[in-house]
Amino acid sequence: MVYSVGKAIREIRKKVDNTYFLSGDDYFLQNFFIKSLDKHCNNDYSLHYLNFSEDSDVNVFFKEISSVSLFSDKSILIVRNIGKISKKNKDEILKYLNNPSDDTIVIFISDDFYSRSKFFQSISSKSKTIDTRTPFPNKIREWVKYYLNINKISIDKIIVDDIISSNNDEIITILNEIEKLYLINGCDKIVYEEKNQRISINHKNIRPWHLIDSIGKKDTSLSIKNFEYLQYGGYQIIPIIIIFYNFFNNMLLHKNNNNNLYSINKIISNNIPKYSNKYTENEIMNILIDLKNMDLLVKTSSLNHNNLISVFIIKIC
């Protein structure tokens, strides 16, 4: 069973396990769980961060789990790069997990949630496994609500919606913005006032993938707004055209059952099938031709480049 970070933290209140396996590359969620576990243990355990890319850290780890105490009597060992060890050491770890020490909590971390490593799978089966991938946009709101509840932060929903819409690919930024407002407000409830415009969307946090997502959904109004926000943020036209080209080329490859896609944001990649349902293959071919022509115009003419993009967005959406 794979636990969410929230559920895993709730489980800690009932029982602390001896071993955990954090799977997923969101550093904030990894760190949040570790801090929550340490807090629950009332700081009775000493934290030690180990990197198995370093031989000295590997030696420390095995001495610790062999009960040759290098630290205090109780330790939390946070271990990264767990695949960087010999088969013999991997076997020793799996053997240890069959009978872990009560005085030691081991937290193994793998950034690759989708790894097919048999060693990782074995650790996962013998540990409490926690999903520490960055939440998808439809789960961000749920996670933020959980964070607000456990930290007793009271804030009007309209403000939360504004902050999430500005930063919905970066959970750490969302929470930092909320905490900043909370501290500025003297840790009282943060209420929305019409005159307080500084809480409105902070356009500097809009990323190119937001624009791609709105175009993929054929949302003309939001696409124009996102493009304007990127303009304010100083994004240049040529890189945006390249991003457009890669996006629609990926869509065309998908329609032709070719999975050899260009590198693109994970959220966009996962939604390619949904976007492709809104565009015919003929539309995509014409869009790719338009993008090549636009690239030439931008490089060789004095036409208003921003207007070219706006007209293009209206045409394809």
Protein backbone atom coordinates (compact mmCIF):
# COMPACT_ATOMS: atom_id res chain seq x y z
CA MET A 1 0.00 0.00 0.00
CA VAL A 2 1.25 3.49 -0.89
CA TYR A 3 0.28 6.27 1.53
CA SER A 4 -0.17 9.95 0.78
CA VAL A 5 1.95 12.27 2.92
CA GLY A 6 -1.15 13.42 4.80
CA LYS A 7 -2.35 9.89 5.56
CA ALA A 8 1.15 8.80 6.58
CA ILE A 9 1.35 11.66 9.07
CA ARG A 10 -2.05 10.73 10.52
CA GLU A 11 -0.83 7.14 10.85
CA ILE A 12 2.18 8.34 12.86
CA ARG A 13 -0.21 9.42 15.62
CA LYS A 14 -1.30 5.79 15.97
CA LYS A 15 2.04 4.08 15.44
CA VAL A 16 5.55 5.01 14.36
CA ASP A 17 7.08 2.48 11.97
CA ASN A 18 10.73 1.51 12.01
CA THR A 19 11.22 2.01 8.26
CA TYR A 20 9.73 4.34 5.65
CA PHE A 21 10.24 4.55 1.91
CA LEU A 22 9.63 8.01 0.39
CA SER A 23 9.06 7.66 -3.35
CA GLY A 24 8.83 10.80 -5.50
CA ASP A 25 10.98 13.87 -6.20
CA ASP A 26 9.12 16.64 -4.37
CA TYR A 27 11.72 17.81 -1.84
CA PHE A 28 9.19 19.87 0.09
CA LEU A 29 6.90 16.88 0.72
CA GLN A 30 9.88 14.71 1.66
CA ASN A 31 11.07 17.30 4.14
CA PHE A 32 7.57 17.96 5.46
CA PHE A 33 7.08 14.32 6.35
CA ILE A 34 10.50 14.07 8.01
CA LYS A 35 9.84 17.18 10.12
CA SER A 36 6.39 15.91 11.09
CA LEU A 37 7.84 12.57 12.19
CA ASP A 38 10.62 14.27 14.16
CA LYS A 39 8.09 16.57 15.85
CA HIS A 40 5.86 13.65 16.80
CA CYS A 41 8.87 11.91 18.37
CA ASN A 42 9.36 15.01 20.55
CA ASN A 43 12.92 15.39 19.25
CA ASP A 44 13.92 12.29 21.23
CA TYR A 45 15.63 10.95 18.12
CA SER A 46 18.68 12.54 16.53
CA LEU A 47 18.40 13.18 12.80
CA HIS A 48 21.21 12.02 10.52
CA TYR A 49 21.27 12.55 6.75
CA LEU A 50 23.25 9.97 4.81
CA ASN A 51 24.17 9.82 1.14
CA PHE A 52 25.01 6.35 -0.18
CA SER A 53 27.11 7.92 -2.93
CA GLU A 54 29.64 8.47 -0.14
CA ASP A 55 31.42 5.36 1.16
CA SER A 56 31.83 6.95 4.58
CA ASP A 57 28.05 7.38 4.90
CA VAL A 58 27.48 3.78 3.85
CA ASN A 59 29.87 2.66 6.61
CA VAL A 60 28.12 4.86 9.16
CA PHE A 61 24.75 3.40 8.21
CA PHE A 62 25.81 -0.22 8.61
CA LYS A 63 27.58 0.45 11.88
CA GLU A 64 24.47 2.14 13.20
CA ILE A 65 22.04 -0.63 12.24
CA SER A 66 24.52 -3.18 13.64
CA SER A 67 24.01 -1.54 17.04
CA VAL A 68 27.51 -0.07 17.13
CA SER A 69 26.17 3.30 18.26
CA LEU A 70 27.87 6.31 16.71
CA PHE A 71 25.09 8.71 17.63
CA SER A 72 22.65 8.94 20.53
CA ASP A 73 20.65 5.92 21.65
CA LYS A 74 17.80 6.74 19.26
CA SER A 75 18.33 7.83 15.68
CA ILE A 76 16.41 8.72 12.55
CA LEU A 77 18.55 7.88 9.52
CA ILE A 78 17.50 9.67 6.30
CA VAL A 79 19.16 7.85 3.41
CA ARG A 80 19.46 9.08 -0.20
CA ASN A 81 20.97 7.48 -3.32
CA ILE A 82 20.10 4.05 -1.98
CA GLY A 83 20.83 2.38 -5.30
CA LYS A 84 24.53 3.36 -5.18
CA ILE A 85 25.71 0.39 -3.15
CA SER A 86 26.95 -3.13 -3.82
CA LYS A 87 24.67 -6.15 -4.08
CA LYS A 88 26.11 -7.47 -0.83
CA ASN A 89 25.13 -4.27 0.99
CA LYS A 90 21.69 -4.32 -0.62
CA ASP A 91 21.19 -7.86 0.68
CA GLU A 92 22.27 -6.75 4.16
CA ILE A 93 19.70 -3.95 4.12
CA LEU A 94 16.90 -6.29 3.07
CA LYS A 95 17.95 -8.70 5.80
CA TYR A 96 17.90 -5.87 8.35
CA LEU A 97 14.40 -4.83 7.28
CA ASN A 98 13.11 -8.26 8.33
CA ASN A 99 14.01 -7.39 11.92
CA PRO A 100 14.71 -3.63 12.31
CA SER A 101 15.94 -2.06 15.52
CA ASP A 102 13.35 -0.42 17.77
CA ASP A 103 15.79 2.41 18.55
CA THR A 104 16.37 3.35 14.93
CA ILE A 105 13.97 4.76 12.34
CA VAL A 106 15.25 4.51 8.78
CA ILE A 107 13.80 6.70 6.03
CA PHE A 108 14.88 5.60 2.56
CA ILE A 109 14.33 8.17 -0.22
CA SER A 110 14.03 7.56 -3.95
CA ASP A 111 13.19 10.47 -6.24
CA ASP A 112 12.11 8.08 -8.99
CA PHE A 113 8.54 7.01 -8.22
CA TYR A 114 8.35 4.91 -11.39
CA SER A 115 11.59 2.98 -10.89
CA ARG A 116 11.36 -0.74 -11.65
CA SER A 117 14.39 -1.58 -9.51
CA LYS A 118 13.81 -4.88 -7.70
CA PHE A 119 15.81 -3.52 -4.77
CA PHE A 120 13.50 -0.50 -4.45
CA GLN A 121 10.46 -2.74 -4.76
CA SER A 122 11.80 -4.98 -1.99
CA ILE A 123 12.42 -2.01 0.30
CA SER A 124 8.91 -0.73 -0.47
CA SER A 125 7.34 -4.09 0.40
CA LYS A 126 9.14 -4.17 3.77
CA SER A 127 8.53 -0.50 4.67
CA LYS A 128 5.70 1.98 4.86
CA THR A 129 5.78 3.56 1.40
CA ILE A 130 4.81 7.22 0.98
CA ASP A 131 4.07 9.02 -2.28
CA THR A 132 6.16 12.20 -2.36
CA ARG A 133 5.55 13.16 -5.98
CA THR A 134 4.49 16.76 -6.63
CA PRO A 135 0.67 16.69 -6.46
CA PHE A 136 -1.23 17.09 -9.72
CA PRO A 137 -3.17 20.39 -10.04
CA ASN A 138 -6.49 18.77 -9.08
CA LYS A 139 -4.91 17.58 -5.79
CA ILE A 140 -3.09 20.80 -4.89
CA ARG A 141 -6.16 22.40 -3.29
CA GLU A 142 -6.79 19.32 -1.16
CA TRP A 143 -3.17 19.29 0.01
CA VAL A 144 -3.18 23.02 0.83
CA LYS A 145 -6.40 22.61 2.84
CA TYR A 146 -4.75 19.82 4.84
CA TYR A 147 -1.67 21.97 5.48
CA LEU A 148 -3.80 24.91 6.65
CA ASN A 149 -5.76 22.69 9.02
CA ILE A 150 -2.78 21.10 10.75
CA ASN A 151 -1.04 24.48 11.09
CA LYS A 152 -4.25 26.21 12.23
CA ILE A 153 -3.97 28.92 9.57
CA SER A 154 -7.28 30.67 8.90
CA ILE A 155 -7.62 32.33 5.50
CA ASP A 156 -10.53 33.25 3.24
CA LYS A 157 -11.12 30.79 0.41
CA ILE A 158 -10.99 33.50 -2.28
CA ILE A 159 -7.41 34.36 -1.26
CA VAL A 160 -6.37 30.70 -1.33
CA ASP A 161 -7.90 30.38 -4.80
CA ASP A 162 -5.93 33.42 -6.00
CA ILE A 163 -2.64 32.10 -4.67
CA ILE A 164 -3.17 28.59 -6.06
CA SER A 165 -4.10 29.89 -9.50
CA SER A 166 -0.86 31.87 -9.53
CA ASN A 167 1.39 29.06 -8.40
CA ASN A 168 -0.38 25.76 -9.07
CA ASP A 169 2.75 23.95 -10.20
CA GLU A 170 4.79 24.83 -7.11
CA ILE A 171 3.35 23.74 -3.77
CA ILE A 172 6.27 25.22 -1.82
CA THR A 173 5.60 28.65 -3.37
CA ILE A 174 1.87 28.41 -2.58
CA LEU A 175 2.52 27.64 1.09
CA ASN A 176 5.26 30.26 1.38
CA GLU A 177 2.88 32.92 0.02
CA ILE A 178 0.16 31.89 2.47
CA GLU A 179 2.55 31.84 5.44
CA LYS A 180 3.97 35.22 4.44
CA LEU A 181 0.47 36.75 4.42
CA TYR A 182 -0.32 35.03 7.71
CA LEU A 183 2.75 36.50 9.42
CA ILE A 184 2.14 39.95 7.93
CA ASN A 185 -1.40 39.74 9.29
CA GLY A 186 -0.15 39.07 12.80
CA CYS A 187 -1.24 35.40 12.69
CA ASP A 188 -4.88 36.45 12.67
CA LYS A 189 -7.40 35.28 10.10
CA ILE A 190 -6.53 36.56 6.63
CA VAL A 191 -9.66 38.14 5.16
CA TYR A 192 -10.29 39.29 1.63
CA GLU A 193 -10.96 42.96 0.97
CA GLU A 194 -11.84 44.30 -2.47
CA LYS A 195 -9.37 47.14 -2.07
CA ASN A 196 -6.51 44.75 -1.34
CA GLN A 197 -5.37 44.14 -4.87
CA ARG A 198 -1.92 42.85 -3.93
CA ILE A 199 -3.49 39.50 -3.18
CA SER A 200 -4.62 39.18 -6.79
CA ILE A 201 -2.76 36.95 -9.25
CA ASN A 202 0.95 37.52 -9.19
CA HIS A 203 1.67 37.26 -12.89
CA LYS A 204 5.36 36.63 -12.36
CA ASN A 205 4.49 33.09 -11.20
CA ILE A 206 2.79 32.12 -14.47
CA ARG A 207 4.95 29.63 -16.36
CA PRO A 208 4.92 28.66 -20.06
CA TRP A 209 3.28 25.35 -19.18
CA HIS A 210 0.23 27.26 -17.89
CA LEU A 211 -0.14 28.77 -21.36
CA ILE A 212 0.31 25.38 -23.03
CA ASP A 213 -2.30 23.83 -20.73
CA SER A 214 -4.91 26.51 -21.52
CA ILE A 215 -4.20 26.20 -25.26
CA GLY A 216 -4.46 22.42 -25.04
CA LYS A 217 -7.90 22.90 -23.49
CA LYS A 218 -8.84 25.47 -26.17
CA ASP A 219 -9.55 28.07 -23.50
CA THR A 220 -9.09 31.27 -25.52
CA SER A 221 -9.66 33.78 -22.72
CA LEU A 222 -7.30 32.09 -20.25
CA SER A 223 -4.69 31.54 -22.98
CA ILE A 224 -4.63 35.26 -23.82
CA LYS A 225 -4.33 36.14 -20.12
CA ASN A 226 -1.52 33.63 -19.58
CA PHE A 227 0.34 34.98 -22.61
CA GLU A 228 0.00 38.53 -21.26
CA TYR A 229 1.35 37.38 -17.88
CA LEU A 230 4.35 35.79 -19.60
CA GLN A 231 4.93 39.07 -21.45
CA TYR A 232 4.95 40.93 -18.14
CA GLY A 233 7.40 38.36 -16.82
CA GLY A 234 9.81 39.09 -19.67
CA TYR A 235 9.42 35.87 -21.67
CA GLN A 236 10.70 36.21 -25.24
CA ILE A 237 8.64 35.26 -28.29
CA ILE A 238 11.03 32.81 -29.96
CA PRO A 239 11.26 30.43 -26.95
CA ILE A 240 7.47 30.49 -26.66
CA ILE A 241 7.12 29.57 -30.35
CA ILE A 242 9.54 26.68 -29.81
CA ILE A 243 7.50 25.47 -26.83
CA PHE A 244 4.34 25.66 -28.96
CA TYR A 245 6.03 23.69 -31.73
CA ASN A 246 7.22 20.93 -29.39
CA PHE A 247 3.78 20.72 -27.80
CA PHE A 248 1.86 20.28 -31.04
CA ASN A 249 4.53 18.00 -32.47
CA ASN A 250 4.12 15.79 -29.37
CA MET A 251 0.39 15.79 -29.95
CA LEU A 252 0.90 14.69 -33.55
CA LEU A 253 3.29 11.93 -32.47
CA HIS A 254 0.72 10.75 -29.91
CA LYS A 255 -1.99 10.56 -32.56
CA ASN A 256 0.35 8.37 -34.60
CA ASN A 257 1.05 6.09 -31.61
CA ASN A 258 4.64 7.29 -31.33
CA ASN A 259 5.73 7.63 -27.69
CA ASN A 260 9.14 9.13 -28.51
CA LEU A 261 8.04 12.57 -27.32
CA TYR A 262 10.03 15.76 -26.92
CA SER A 263 10.95 16.78 -23.39
CA ILE A 264 8.08 18.70 -21.85
CA ASN A 265 6.51 19.44 -18.45
CA LYS A 266 5.25 16.21 -16.81
CA ILE A 267 1.77 17.62 -16.24
CA ILE A 268 1.49 18.51 -19.94
CA SER A 269 2.87 15.11 -20.99
CA ASN A 270 0.29 13.30 -18.87
CA ASN A 271 -2.51 15.36 -20.41
CA ILE A 272 -1.45 14.94 -24.07
CA PRO A 273 -4.22 12.35 -24.73
CA LYS A 274 -6.86 14.76 -23.37
CA TYR A 275 -5.54 17.71 -25.38
CA SER A 276 -5.29 15.66 -28.57
CA ASN A 277 -9.02 14.91 -28.39
CA LYS A 278 -9.68 18.60 -28.96
CA TYR A 279 -7.54 18.85 -32.10
CA THR A 280 -7.79 16.91 -35.35
CA GLU A 281 -4.63 15.69 -37.06
CA ASN A 282 -5.29 18.12 -39.90
CA GLU A 283 -5.58 21.03 -37.45
CA ILE A 284 -2.28 20.10 -35.85
CA MET A 285 -0.52 19.90 -39.22
CA ASN A 286 -1.80 23.40 -40.14
CA ILE A 287 -0.77 24.74 -36.72
CA LEU A 288 2.79 23.43 -37.17
CA ILE A 289 2.96 25.15 -40.58
CA ASP A 290 1.65 28.39 -39.02
CA LEU A 291 4.29 28.19 -36.31
CA LYS A 292 7.09 27.80 -38.89
CA ASN A 293 5.76 30.82 -40.77
CA MET A 294 5.45 32.83 -37.56
CA ASP A 295 9.02 31.98 -36.59
CA LEU A 296 10.17 33.35 -39.97
CA LEU A 297 8.08 36.53 -39.60
CA VAL A 298 9.38 37.21 -36.09
CA LYS A 299 12.99 36.86 -37.31
CA THR A 300 12.64 38.84 -40.55
CA SER A 301 9.85 41.42 -40.16
CA SER A 302 9.04 44.47 -38.04
CA LEU A 303 5.46 43.35 -37.35
CA ASN A 304 4.25 43.46 -33.75
CA HIS A 305 5.38 40.06 -32.50
CA ASN A 306 3.02 39.99 -29.54
CA ASN A 307 0.06 40.62 -31.81
CA LEU A 308 1.12 37.69 -33.96
CA ILE A 309 0.95 35.38 -30.97
CA SER A 310 -2.42 36.76 -29.83
CA VAL A 311 -3.95 36.28 -33.28
CA PHE A 312 -2.47 32.79 -33.44
CA ILE A 313 -4.01 31.86 -30.07
CA ILE A 314 -7.45 33.15 -31.08
CA LYS A 315 -7.23 31.25 -34.38
CA ILE A 316 -6.32 27.84 -32.93
CA CYS A 317 -8.53 27.96 -29.84
